[in-house]
mmCIF file of all heavy atoms, coordinates in Angstrom:
data_MODEL
# 
_entry.id   MODEL 
# 
loop_
_atom_site.group_PDB 
_atom_site.id 
_atom_site.type_symbol 
_atom_site.label_atom_id 
_atom_site.label_alt_id 
_atom_site.label_comp_id 
_atom_site.label_asym_id 
_atom_site.label_entity_id 
_atom_site.label_seq_id 
_atom_site.pdbx_PDB_ins_code 
_atom_site.Cartn_x 
_atom_site.Cartn_y 
_atom_site.Cartn_z 
_atom_site.occupancy 
_atom_site.B_iso_or_equiv 
_atom_site.pdbx_formal_charge 
_atom_site.auth_seq_id 
_atom_site.auth_comp_id 
_atom_site.auth_asym_id 
_atom_site.auth_atom_id 
_atom_site.pdbx_PDB_model_num 
ATOM 1   N N   . ALA A 1 1  ? 0.822  -1.201  0.011  1.00 0.00 ? 1  ALA A N   1 
ATOM 2   C CA  . ALA A 1 1  ? -0.030 -0.074  0.011  1.00 0.00 ? 1  ALA A CA  1 
ATOM 3   C C   . ALA A 1 1  ? 0.876  1.189   0.010  1.00 0.00 ? 1  ALA A C   1 
ATOM 4   O O   . ALA A 1 1  ? 1.981  1.268   0.470  1.00 0.00 ? 1  ALA A O   1 
ATOM 5   C CB  . ALA A 1 1  ? -0.924 -0.023  1.289  1.00 0.00 ? 1  ALA A CB  1 
ATOM 6   N N   . PRO A 1 2  ? 0.412  2.397   -0.457 1.00 0.00 ? 2  PRO A N   1 
ATOM 7   C CA  . PRO A 1 2  ? 1.161  3.557   -0.436 1.00 0.00 ? 2  PRO A CA  1 
ATOM 8   C C   . PRO A 1 2  ? 1.689  3.878   0.916  1.00 0.00 ? 2  PRO A C   1 
ATOM 9   O O   . PRO A 1 2  ? 0.976  3.813   1.868  1.00 0.00 ? 2  PRO A O   1 
ATOM 10  C CB  . PRO A 1 2  ? 0.185  4.640   -0.897 1.00 0.00 ? 2  PRO A CB  1 
ATOM 11  C CG  . PRO A 1 2  ? -0.930 3.979   -1.714 1.00 0.00 ? 2  PRO A CG  1 
ATOM 12  C CD  . PRO A 1 2  ? -0.955 2.576   -1.081 1.00 0.00 ? 2  PRO A CD  1 
ATOM 13  N N   . GLY A 1 3  ? 2.904  4.186   0.975  1.00 0.00 ? 3  GLY A N   1 
ATOM 14  C CA  . GLY A 1 3  ? 3.710  4.537   2.171  1.00 0.00 ? 3  GLY A CA  1 
ATOM 15  C C   . GLY A 1 3  ? 3.909  3.410   3.138  1.00 0.00 ? 3  GLY A C   1 
ATOM 16  O O   . GLY A 1 3  ? 4.277  3.620   4.395  1.00 0.00 ? 3  GLY A O   1 
ATOM 17  N N   . LYS A 1 4  ? 3.716  2.214   2.718  1.00 0.00 ? 4  LYS A N   1 
ATOM 18  C CA  . LYS A 1 4  ? 3.789  1.077   3.504  1.00 0.00 ? 4  LYS A CA  1 
ATOM 19  C C   . LYS A 1 4  ? 4.833  0.042   2.988  1.00 0.00 ? 4  LYS A C   1 
ATOM 20  O O   . LYS A 1 4  ? 5.166  0.097   1.737  1.00 0.00 ? 4  LYS A O   1 
ATOM 21  C CB  . LYS A 1 4  ? 2.462  0.264   3.883  1.00 0.00 ? 4  LYS A CB  1 
ATOM 22  C CG  . LYS A 1 4  ? 1.505  1.173   4.744  1.00 0.00 ? 4  LYS A CG  1 
ATOM 23  C CD  . LYS A 1 4  ? 0.351  0.271   5.191  1.00 0.00 ? 4  LYS A CD  1 
ATOM 24  C CE  . LYS A 1 4  ? -0.640 1.018   5.946  1.00 0.00 ? 4  LYS A CE  1 
ATOM 25  N NZ  . LYS A 1 4  ? -1.791 0.160   6.400  1.00 0.00 ? 4  LYS A NZ  1 
ATOM 26  N N   . GLN A 1 5  ? 5.310  -0.826  3.809  1.00 0.00 ? 5  GLN A N   1 
ATOM 27  C CA  . GLN A 1 5  ? 6.211  -1.906  3.289  1.00 0.00 ? 5  GLN A CA  1 
ATOM 28  C C   . GLN A 1 5  ? 5.329  -3.018  2.645  1.00 0.00 ? 5  GLN A C   1 
ATOM 29  O O   . GLN A 1 5  ? 4.303  -3.134  2.857  1.00 0.00 ? 5  GLN A O   1 
ATOM 30  C CB  . GLN A 1 5  ? 7.010  -2.446  4.446  1.00 0.00 ? 5  GLN A CB  1 
ATOM 31  C CG  . GLN A 1 5  ? 8.086  -1.494  5.098  1.00 0.00 ? 5  GLN A CG  1 
ATOM 32  C CD  . GLN A 1 5  ? 9.082  -1.083  4.244  1.00 0.00 ? 5  GLN A CD  1 
ATOM 33  O OE1 . GLN A 1 5  ? 9.778  -1.945  3.545  1.00 0.00 ? 5  GLN A OE1 1 
ATOM 34  N NE2 . GLN A 1 5  ? 9.249  0.252   4.067  1.00 0.00 ? 5  GLN A NE2 1 
ATOM 35  N N   . ARG A 1 6  ? 6.093  -3.619  1.760  1.00 0.00 ? 6  ARG A N   1 
ATOM 36  C CA  . ARG A 1 6  ? 5.440  -4.843  1.093  1.00 0.00 ? 6  ARG A CA  1 
ATOM 37  C C   . ARG A 1 6  ? 5.230  -5.864  2.112  1.00 0.00 ? 6  ARG A C   1 
ATOM 38  O O   . ARG A 1 6  ? 6.037  -6.135  2.990  1.00 0.00 ? 6  ARG A O   1 
ATOM 39  C CB  . ARG A 1 6  ? 6.278  -5.303  -0.170 1.00 0.00 ? 6  ARG A CB  1 
ATOM 40  C CG  . ARG A 1 6  ? 5.565  -6.307  -0.872 1.00 0.00 ? 6  ARG A CG  1 
ATOM 41  C CD  . ARG A 1 6  ? 6.475  -6.761  -2.135 1.00 0.00 ? 6  ARG A CD  1 
ATOM 42  N NE  . ARG A 1 6  ? 6.645  -5.567  -2.980 1.00 0.00 ? 6  ARG A NE  1 
ATOM 43  C CZ  . ARG A 1 6  ? 7.266  -5.620  -4.187 1.00 0.00 ? 6  ARG A CZ  1 
ATOM 44  N NH1 . ARG A 1 6  ? 7.658  -6.786  -4.567 1.00 0.00 ? 6  ARG A NH1 1 
ATOM 45  N NH2 . ARG A 1 6  ? 7.386  -4.499  -4.952 1.00 0.00 ? 6  ARG A NH2 1 
ATOM 46  N N   . GLU A 1 7  ? 3.981  -6.385  2.081  1.00 0.00 ? 7  GLU A N   1 
ATOM 47  C CA  . GLU A 1 7  ? 3.706  -7.511  3.177  1.00 0.00 ? 7  GLU A CA  1 
ATOM 48  C C   . GLU A 1 7  ? 3.116  -8.730  2.573  1.00 0.00 ? 7  GLU A C   1 
ATOM 49  O O   . GLU A 1 7  ? 2.520  -8.789  1.422  1.00 0.00 ? 7  GLU A O   1 
ATOM 50  C CB  . GLU A 1 7  ? 2.684  -6.893  4.093  1.00 0.00 ? 7  GLU A CB  1 
ATOM 51  C CG  . GLU A 1 7  ? 1.204  -6.616  3.479  1.00 0.00 ? 7  GLU A CG  1 
ATOM 52  C CD  . GLU A 1 7  ? 0.325  -6.091  4.409  1.00 0.00 ? 7  GLU A CD  1 
ATOM 53  O OE1 . GLU A 1 7  ? 0.628  -5.962  5.704  1.00 0.00 ? 7  GLU A OE1 1 
ATOM 54  O OE2 . GLU A 1 7  ? -0.702 -5.746  4.031  1.00 0.00 ? 7  GLU A OE2 1 
ATOM 55  N N   . LEU A 1 8  ? 3.316  -9.836  3.180  1.00 0.00 ? 8  LEU A N   1 
ATOM 56  C CA  . LEU A 1 8  ? 2.808  -11.141 2.802  1.00 0.00 ? 8  LEU A CA  1 
ATOM 57  C C   . LEU A 1 8  ? 1.322  -11.158 2.849  1.00 0.00 ? 8  LEU A C   1 
ATOM 58  O O   . LEU A 1 8  ? 0.725  -10.725 3.873  1.00 0.00 ? 8  LEU A O   1 
ATOM 59  C CB  . LEU A 1 8  ? 3.507  -12.251 3.577  1.00 0.00 ? 8  LEU A CB  1 
ATOM 60  C CG  . LEU A 1 8  ? 2.995  -13.631 3.214  1.00 0.00 ? 8  LEU A CG  1 
ATOM 61  C CD1 . LEU A 1 8  ? 3.344  -14.144 1.812  1.00 0.00 ? 8  LEU A CD1 1 
ATOM 62  C CD2 . LEU A 1 8  ? 3.610  -14.641 4.293  1.00 0.00 ? 8  LEU A CD2 1 
ATOM 63  N N   . VAL A 1 9  ? 0.663  -11.706 1.851  1.00 0.00 ? 9  VAL A N   1 
ATOM 64  C CA  . VAL A 1 9  ? -0.784 -11.849 1.929  1.00 0.00 ? 9  VAL A CA  1 
ATOM 65  C C   . VAL A 1 9  ? -1.198 -13.421 2.127  1.00 0.00 ? 9  VAL A C   1 
ATOM 66  O O   . VAL A 1 9  ? -1.864 -13.761 3.008  1.00 0.00 ? 9  VAL A O   1 
ATOM 67  C CB  . VAL A 1 9  ? -1.444 -11.347 0.707  1.00 0.00 ? 9  VAL A CB  1 
ATOM 68  C CG1 . VAL A 1 9  ? -2.992 -11.683 0.694  1.00 0.00 ? 9  VAL A CG1 1 
ATOM 69  C CG2 . VAL A 1 9  ? -1.210 -9.866  0.451  1.00 0.00 ? 9  VAL A CG2 1 
ATOM 70  N N   . ALA A 1 10 ? -0.629 -14.191 1.282  1.00 0.00 ? 10 ALA A N   1 
ATOM 71  C CA  . ALA A 1 10 ? -1.000 -15.686 1.294  1.00 0.00 ? 10 ALA A CA  1 
ATOM 72  C C   . ALA A 1 10 ? 0.077  -16.415 0.475  1.00 0.00 ? 10 ALA A C   1 
ATOM 73  O O   . ALA A 1 10 ? 0.769  -15.807 -0.343 1.00 0.00 ? 10 ALA A O   1 
ATOM 74  C CB  . ALA A 1 10 ? -2.369 -15.975 0.762  1.00 0.00 ? 10 ALA A CB  1 
ATOM 75  N N   . THR A 1 11 ? 0.309  -17.658 0.869  1.00 0.00 ? 11 THR A N   1 
ATOM 76  C CA  . THR A 1 11 ? 1.226  -18.536 0.141  1.00 0.00 ? 11 THR A CA  1 
ATOM 77  C C   . THR A 1 11 ? 0.641  -19.904 -0.030 1.00 0.00 ? 11 THR A C   1 
ATOM 78  O O   . THR A 1 11 ? -0.236 -20.350 0.803  1.00 0.00 ? 11 THR A O   1 
ATOM 79  C CB  . THR A 1 11 ? 2.660  -18.572 0.957  1.00 0.00 ? 11 THR A CB  1 
ATOM 80  O OG1 . THR A 1 11 ? 2.410  -19.197 2.156  1.00 0.00 ? 11 THR A OG1 1 
ATOM 81  C CG2 . THR A 1 11 ? 3.242  -17.324 1.096  1.00 0.00 ? 11 THR A CG2 1 
ATOM 82  N N   . MET A 1 12 ? 1.177  -20.689 -1.013 1.00 0.00 ? 12 MET A N   1 
ATOM 83  C CA  . MET A 1 12 ? 0.631  -22.016 -1.253 1.00 0.00 ? 12 MET A CA  1 
ATOM 84  C C   . MET A 1 12 ? 1.903  -22.782 -1.969 1.00 0.00 ? 12 MET A C   1 
ATOM 85  O O   . MET A 1 12 ? 2.357  -22.283 -2.951 1.00 0.00 ? 12 MET A O   1 
ATOM 86  C CB  . MET A 1 12 ? -0.583 -22.152 -1.884 1.00 0.00 ? 12 MET A CB  1 
ATOM 87  C CG  . MET A 1 12 ? -1.062 -23.569 -2.237 1.00 0.00 ? 12 MET A CG  1 
ATOM 88  S SD  . MET A 1 12 ? -2.698 -23.513 -3.146 1.00 0.00 ? 12 MET A SD  1 
ATOM 89  C CE  . MET A 1 12 ? -3.783 -23.389 -1.630 1.00 0.00 ? 12 MET A CE  1 
ATOM 90  N N   . SER A 1 13 ? 2.083  -23.965 -1.480 1.00 0.00 ? 13 SER A N   1 
ATOM 91  C CA  . SER A 1 13 ? 3.166  -24.828 -2.217 1.00 0.00 ? 13 SER A CA  1 
ATOM 92  C C   . SER A 1 13 ? 2.498  -25.459 -3.373 1.00 0.00 ? 13 SER A C   1 
ATOM 93  O O   . SER A 1 13 ? 1.201  -25.627 -3.518 1.00 0.00 ? 13 SER A O   1 
ATOM 94  C CB  . SER A 1 13 ? 3.763  -25.824 -1.210 1.00 0.00 ? 13 SER A CB  1 
ATOM 95  O OG  . SER A 1 13 ? 2.836  -26.800 -0.884 1.00 0.00 ? 13 SER A OG  1 
ATOM 96  N N   . ASN A 1 14 ? 3.311  -25.951 -4.165 1.00 0.00 ? 14 ASN A N   1 
ATOM 97  C CA  . ASN A 1 14 ? 2.880  -26.726 -5.377 1.00 0.00 ? 14 ASN A CA  1 
ATOM 98  C C   . ASN A 1 14 ? 2.316  -28.203 -5.192 1.00 0.00 ? 14 ASN A C   1 
ATOM 99  O O   . ASN A 1 14 ? 1.672  -28.791 -5.921 1.00 0.00 ? 14 ASN A O   1 
ATOM 100 C CB  . ASN A 1 14 ? 4.020  -26.787 -6.407 1.00 0.00 ? 14 ASN A CB  1 
ATOM 101 C CG  . ASN A 1 14 ? 5.129  -27.750 -6.066 1.00 0.00 ? 14 ASN A CG  1 
ATOM 102 O OD1 . ASN A 1 14 ? 5.677  -27.634 -4.915 1.00 0.00 ? 14 ASN A OD1 1 
ATOM 103 N ND2 . ASN A 1 14 ? 5.543  -28.602 -6.828 1.00 0.00 ? 14 ASN A ND2 1 
ATOM 104 N N   . GLY A 1 15 ? 2.659  -28.696 -3.941 1.00 0.00 ? 15 GLY A N   1 
ATOM 105 C CA  . GLY A 1 15 ? 2.355  -30.001 -3.597 1.00 0.00 ? 15 GLY A CA  1 
ATOM 106 C C   . GLY A 1 15 ? 1.084  -30.194 -2.914 1.00 0.00 ? 15 GLY A C   1 
ATOM 107 O O   . GLY A 1 15 ? 0.694  -31.349 -2.450 1.00 0.00 ? 15 GLY A O   1 
ATOM 108 N N   . GLY A 1 16 ? 0.250  -29.158 -2.866 1.00 0.00 ? 16 GLY A N   1 
ATOM 109 C CA  . GLY A 1 16 ? -0.968 -29.327 -2.236 1.00 0.00 ? 16 GLY A CA  1 
ATOM 110 C C   . GLY A 1 16 ? -1.075 -29.129 -0.652 1.00 0.00 ? 16 GLY A C   1 
ATOM 111 O O   . GLY A 1 16 ? -2.120 -29.429 0.009  1.00 0.00 ? 16 GLY A O   1 
ATOM 112 N N   . GLY A 1 17 ? -0.077 -28.506 -0.180 1.00 0.00 ? 17 GLY A N   1 
ATOM 113 C CA  . GLY A 1 17 ? -0.080 -28.227 1.341  1.00 0.00 ? 17 GLY A CA  1 
ATOM 114 C C   . GLY A 1 17 ? -1.003 -27.234 1.755  1.00 0.00 ? 17 GLY A C   1 
ATOM 115 O O   . GLY A 1 17 ? -1.602 -26.521 0.834  1.00 0.00 ? 17 GLY A O   1 
ATOM 116 N N   . ASN A 1 18 ? -1.410 -27.034 2.913  1.00 0.00 ? 18 ASN A N   1 
ATOM 117 C CA  . ASN A 1 18 ? -2.301 -26.205 3.382  1.00 0.00 ? 18 ASN A CA  1 
ATOM 118 C C   . ASN A 1 18 ? -1.805 -24.732 3.143  1.00 0.00 ? 18 ASN A C   1 
ATOM 119 O O   . ASN A 1 18 ? -0.665 -24.409 3.395  1.00 0.00 ? 18 ASN A O   1 
ATOM 120 C CB  . ASN A 1 18 ? -2.504 -26.288 4.964  1.00 0.00 ? 18 ASN A CB  1 
ATOM 121 C CG  . ASN A 1 18 ? -3.317 -27.562 5.280  1.00 0.00 ? 18 ASN A CG  1 
ATOM 122 O OD1 . ASN A 1 18 ? -4.093 -27.963 4.391  1.00 0.00 ? 18 ASN A OD1 1 
ATOM 123 N ND2 . ASN A 1 18 ? -2.903 -28.019 6.413  1.00 0.00 ? 18 ASN A ND2 1 
ATOM 124 N N   . PRO A 1 19 ? -2.643 -23.884 2.680  1.00 0.00 ? 19 PRO A N   1 
ATOM 125 C CA  . PRO A 1 19 ? -2.341 -22.443 2.428  1.00 0.00 ? 19 PRO A CA  1 
ATOM 126 C C   . PRO A 1 19 ? -2.123 -21.634 3.739  1.00 0.00 ? 19 PRO A C   1 
ATOM 127 O O   . PRO A 1 19 ? -2.653 -22.183 4.737  1.00 0.00 ? 19 PRO A O   1 
ATOM 128 C CB  . PRO A 1 19 ? -3.425 -21.909 1.525  1.00 0.00 ? 19 PRO A CB  1 
ATOM 129 C CG  . PRO A 1 19 ? -4.619 -22.728 1.970  1.00 0.00 ? 19 PRO A CG  1 
ATOM 130 C CD  . PRO A 1 19 ? -4.140 -24.146 2.224  1.00 0.00 ? 19 PRO A CD  1 
ATOM 131 N N   . SER A 1 20 ? -1.347 -20.638 3.682  1.00 0.00 ? 20 SER A N   1 
ATOM 132 C CA  . SER A 1 20 ? -1.300 -19.773 4.782  1.00 0.00 ? 20 SER A CA  1 
ATOM 133 C C   . SER A 1 20 ? -1.682 -18.276 4.382  1.00 0.00 ? 20 SER A C   1 
ATOM 134 O O   . SER A 1 20 ? -1.575 -17.929 3.282  1.00 0.00 ? 20 SER A O   1 
ATOM 135 C CB  . SER A 1 20 ? 0.327  -19.794 5.288  1.00 0.00 ? 20 SER A CB  1 
ATOM 136 O OG  . SER A 1 20 ? 1.115  -19.295 4.375  1.00 0.00 ? 20 SER A OG  1 
ATOM 137 N N   . TYR A 1 21 ? -2.266 -17.721 5.410  1.00 0.00 ? 21 TYR A N   1 
ATOM 138 C CA  . TYR A 1 21 ? -2.780 -16.284 5.183  1.00 0.00 ? 21 TYR A CA  1 
ATOM 139 C C   . TYR A 1 21 ? -2.263 -15.290 6.239  1.00 0.00 ? 21 TYR A C   1 
ATOM 140 O O   . TYR A 1 21 ? -2.219 -15.611 7.395  1.00 0.00 ? 21 TYR A O   1 
ATOM 141 C CB  . TYR A 1 21 ? -4.309 -16.312 5.113  1.00 0.00 ? 21 TYR A CB  1 
ATOM 142 C CG  . TYR A 1 21 ? -4.858 -17.154 4.117  1.00 0.00 ? 21 TYR A CG  1 
ATOM 143 C CD1 . TYR A 1 21 ? -5.228 -18.534 4.237  1.00 0.00 ? 21 TYR A CD1 1 
ATOM 144 C CD2 . TYR A 1 21 ? -5.172 -16.760 2.740  1.00 0.00 ? 21 TYR A CD2 1 
ATOM 145 C CE1 . TYR A 1 21 ? -5.773 -19.272 3.440  1.00 0.00 ? 21 TYR A CE1 1 
ATOM 146 C CE2 . TYR A 1 21 ? -5.581 -17.466 1.797  1.00 0.00 ? 21 TYR A CE2 1 
ATOM 147 C CZ  . TYR A 1 21 ? -5.978 -18.887 2.136  1.00 0.00 ? 21 TYR A CZ  1 
ATOM 148 O OH  . TYR A 1 21 ? -6.471 -19.586 1.121  1.00 0.00 ? 21 TYR A OH  1 
ATOM 149 N N   . ALA A 1 22 ? -2.111 -14.108 5.814  1.00 0.00 ? 22 ALA A N   1 
ATOM 150 C CA  . ALA A 1 22 ? -1.944 -12.969 6.828  1.00 0.00 ? 22 ALA A CA  1 
ATOM 151 C C   . ALA A 1 22 ? -3.187 -12.857 7.509  1.00 0.00 ? 22 ALA A C   1 
ATOM 152 O O   . ALA A 1 22 ? -4.284 -12.895 7.027  1.00 0.00 ? 22 ALA A O   1 
ATOM 153 C CB  . ALA A 1 22 ? -1.404 -11.855 6.128  1.00 0.00 ? 22 ALA A CB  1 
ATOM 154 N N   . ASP A 1 23 ? -3.001 -12.427 8.803  1.00 0.00 ? 23 ASP A N   1 
ATOM 155 C CA  . ASP A 1 23 ? -4.245 -12.233 9.679  1.00 0.00 ? 23 ASP A CA  1 
ATOM 156 C C   . ASP A 1 23 ? -5.304 -11.184 9.009  1.00 0.00 ? 23 ASP A C   1 
ATOM 157 O O   . ASP A 1 23 ? -6.442 -11.479 9.190  1.00 0.00 ? 23 ASP A O   1 
ATOM 158 C CB  . ASP A 1 23 ? -3.834 -11.744 10.986 1.00 0.00 ? 23 ASP A CB  1 
ATOM 159 C CG  . ASP A 1 23 ? -3.239 -12.856 11.910 1.00 0.00 ? 23 ASP A CG  1 
ATOM 160 O OD1 . ASP A 1 23 ? -3.500 -14.118 11.577 1.00 0.00 ? 23 ASP A OD1 1 
ATOM 161 O OD2 . ASP A 1 23 ? -2.403 -12.514 12.816 1.00 0.00 ? 23 ASP A OD2 1 
ATOM 162 N N   . PRO A 1 24 ? -4.823 -10.165 8.474  1.00 0.00 ? 24 PRO A N   1 
ATOM 163 C CA  . PRO A 1 24 ? -5.830 -9.176  7.974  1.00 0.00 ? 24 PRO A CA  1 
ATOM 164 C C   . PRO A 1 24 ? -6.760 -9.761  6.899  1.00 0.00 ? 24 PRO A C   1 
ATOM 165 O O   . PRO A 1 24 ? -7.855 -9.156  6.638  1.00 0.00 ? 24 PRO A O   1 
ATOM 166 C CB  . PRO A 1 24 ? -4.984 -8.012  7.477  1.00 0.00 ? 24 PRO A CB  1 
ATOM 167 C CG  . PRO A 1 24 ? -3.773 -8.159  8.171  1.00 0.00 ? 24 PRO A CG  1 
ATOM 168 C CD  . PRO A 1 24 ? -3.448 -9.612  8.314  1.00 0.00 ? 24 PRO A CD  1 
ATOM 169 N N   . VAL A 1 25 ? -6.308 -10.724 6.141  1.00 0.00 ? 25 VAL A N   1 
ATOM 170 C CA  . VAL A 1 25 ? -7.060 -11.230 5.027  1.00 0.00 ? 25 VAL A CA  1 
ATOM 171 C C   . VAL A 1 25 ? -7.598 -12.681 5.399  1.00 0.00 ? 25 VAL A C   1 
ATOM 172 O O   . VAL A 1 25 ? -8.495 -13.090 4.633  1.00 0.00 ? 25 VAL A O   1 
ATOM 173 C CB  . VAL A 1 25 ? -6.258 -11.370 3.828  1.00 0.00 ? 25 VAL A CB  1 
ATOM 174 C CG1 . VAL A 1 25 ? -5.573 -10.046 3.474  1.00 0.00 ? 25 VAL A CG1 1 
ATOM 175 C CG2 . VAL A 1 25 ? -5.286 -12.481 3.841  1.00 0.00 ? 25 VAL A CG2 1 
# 
């Protein structure tokens, strides 16, 4: 976002592991 650092939103591996999400989303 403007004026903010880049932050992680969500990730997922190619092997079908459980996704992870940042708390705000």
